[in-house]
Amino acid sequence: MHLTHNGALVDVGTAVVKGDTIGLNGYTGLAGYPHLHFVVIDGEQYEWPYISIPVTFSNTLTNVNSLASGTIYKANEY
């Protein structure tokens, strides 16, 4: 959510692997500054509240319970 205009670089159903760029951070919608809401869902559950599959990023510590809520993670340069 809040990607830059046309910043989604993959489509629904696209297979991705570690290291793929999937989107470009921005502040579209009701956002006053660039940030990202990142949710990985399983199946067809596209309605709020989203139920995320646990994930981590290559520039964060591995956490089997997913990213820590309320924690700021610095984005890598692109």
Protein backbone atom coordinates (compact mmCIF):
# COMPACT_ATOMS: atom_id res chain seq x y z
CA MET A 1 0.00 0.00 0.00
CA HIS A 2 1.11 3.61 -0.65
CA LEU A 3 3.48 2.65 -3.47
CA THR A 4 4.59 5.34 -5.91
CA HIS A 5 2.29 5.85 -8.94
CA ASN A 6 2.60 2.68 -11.10
CA GLY A 7 5.04 1.37 -8.49
CA ALA A 8 3.71 -2.20 -8.29
CA LEU A 9 6.21 -4.16 -10.36
CA VAL A 10 4.46 -7.55 -10.18
CA ASP A 11 0.90 -8.68 -10.81
CA VAL A 12 -1.34 -10.97 -8.77
CA GLY A 13 -0.14 -14.52 -9.40
CA THR A 14 3.39 -13.54 -10.42
CA ALA A 15 5.99 -15.88 -8.94
CA VAL A 16 8.73 -14.02 -7.07
CA VAL A 17 11.96 -15.19 -5.53
CA LYS A 18 14.29 -13.75 -2.93
CA GLY A 19 15.91 -10.58 -4.24
CA ASP A 20 13.17 -9.63 -6.72
CA THR A 21 12.03 -6.02 -6.63
CA ILE A 22 8.25 -6.12 -6.21
CA GLY A 23 7.40 -2.44 -5.82
CA LEU A 24 8.62 1.12 -5.36
CA ASN A 25 7.91 2.94 -2.09
CA GLY A 26 5.85 6.12 -2.24
CA TYR A 27 3.04 8.01 -0.56
CA THR A 28 -0.07 7.66 -2.72
CA GLY A 29 -3.49 7.78 -1.11
CA LEU A 30 -3.94 9.31 2.33
CA ALA A 31 -0.25 9.31 3.23
CA GLY A 32 1.77 12.38 4.14
CA TYR A 33 5.19 10.77 3.74
CA PRO A 34 6.69 7.73 1.98
CA HIS A 35 6.05 4.52 3.89
CA LEU A 36 4.87 0.99 3.26
CA HIS A 37 2.19 -1.32 4.61
CA PHE A 38 3.37 -4.80 3.65
CA VAL A 39 1.08 -7.80 3.95
CA VAL A 40 1.53 -11.27 2.47
CA ILE A 41 -1.75 -13.16 2.25
CA ASP A 42 -2.56 -16.75 1.47
CA GLY A 43 -5.35 -17.36 -1.01
CA GLU A 44 -8.18 -15.01 -1.82
CA GLN A 45 -8.46 -13.07 1.46
CA TYR A 46 -8.31 -9.45 0.18
CA GLU A 47 -10.57 -7.79 2.75
CA TRP A 48 -9.72 -5.90 5.95
CA PRO A 49 -8.51 -7.02 8.39
CA TYR A 50 -5.74 -8.69 6.40
CA ILE A 51 -4.19 -11.80 7.93
CA SER A 52 -0.50 -11.81 7.00
CA ILE A 53 1.75 -14.81 6.55
CA PRO A 54 4.91 -14.31 8.68
CA VAL A 55 7.70 -12.72 6.58
CA THR A 56 11.10 -11.13 7.04
CA PHE A 57 13.27 -9.07 4.68
CA SER A 58 16.91 -9.60 3.71
CA ASN A 59 17.94 -6.45 5.60
CA THR A 60 16.18 -7.42 8.86
CA LEU A 61 16.84 -9.99 11.54
CA THR A 62 15.10 -13.31 10.94
CA ASN A 63 11.96 -13.53 13.04
CA VAL A 64 9.78 -16.64 12.75
CA ASN A 65 6.82 -14.61 14.00
CA SER A 66 7.17 -12.02 11.19
CA LEU A 67 8.27 -8.40 11.36
CA ALA A 68 7.76 -6.76 14.75
CA SER A 69 4.72 -4.50 14.96
CA GLY A 70 5.57 -0.84 15.53
CA THR A 71 9.22 -1.32 14.51
CA ILE A 72 10.80 0.92 11.86
CA TYR A 73 12.74 -0.97 9.18
CA LYS A 74 15.07 1.06 6.95
CA ALA A 75 14.53 0.44 3.23
CA ASN A 76 17.47 -0.47 1.04
CA GLU A 77 18.41 2.06 -1.67
CA TYR A 78 17.15 1.30 -5.16
